Amino acid sequence: MTAIRTKLRHTLVLIATTVSALTTTSSTGVHSAPLPIGCGFEHVNPDHHNGATSLYTYCADTFILIRVDTTLDSYHTCVGPRGTLRFFPSNEVKYAYHVPIQPRLITASDGLQICSATQPPV
């Protein structure tokens, strides 16, 4: 019974996300790509994500630092509240995950905090 409820819940979330993506337009009048359902790192079909092969989605209201492992090296990058980073084939990303290090933030001219262009080294 629990498995049926879980499948039903996942199906309903997928339907709601799809309907929202189809009925919401950006300021340019172009439909946005569907948002991922899960939080964290996932490999995705580039045909459904404007060429992106993987995503890191953060589902909380704070800033975090993630480590990104590629075929050549690793680096840290900042993810903003409820943010999604898209990785493309040229990035050669194998995996990305949260690390317990405070990201560097700066205050924009409008007073909002944003991720700094530089982050702590790996």
Foldseek 3Di string as FASTA:
>chain_A
DVVVVVVVVVVVLVVVQVVCQVPDADPVRHGAQGDDDDAAKDADDCVRHVQFGMKHFDAAQAKFKKWWQAPVGIWIDIAHHRGMDTHHVVRRTDHMDTDPDDWDWDQDPVRDIDGDPDTDGD
